[in-house]
Amino acid sequence: QVQLVESGGGAVQAGGSLRLSCAASGRALSNYAMGWFRQAPGKERELVAAIGRSPLSTTYVDSAKGRFIISRDDVRNSMSLLMNSLRPEDTAVYYCAARATLHWSNDVYSRPDDYSYWGQGTQVTVSS
């Protein structure tokens, strides 16, 4: 079983940047596809970005394209989300998630139900 811990959230003004990190323990992240999700008050949890076992396999929600970059570091057993040009509508609790995958798979997964392991979340607040 893998344990996930997010960090790097905070309060920032519109146009600013934040880098979220997700540290894993218990298992090697190299065996997992990963994702960043967010949930704003009163809204459903939604995908922000996902990455497969290959760092070249990525997908983003349309609103994040060109602003956010997801990456993974299997040596450090971690994943990051660099968020630039932040907007007030990016305000949410951000969660990292992991899903074990077969060794030949570079699939990325977009639905919360696709993931088995979740961190506790980190708050991102963007003020206008």
Foldseek 3Di string as FASTA:
>chain_A
DKAKAKDWADEEAAQAKIKMKIAIDDDQQLQKKKFKWWDDPPDDIWTAKTWFSDQVDMDGDPVQPPFKHKGDDRVRRMIMIIGGRDDQVVWTWMKMFIDGDDNVDGDIDTDPVRTDYMHPTDTHGYHD
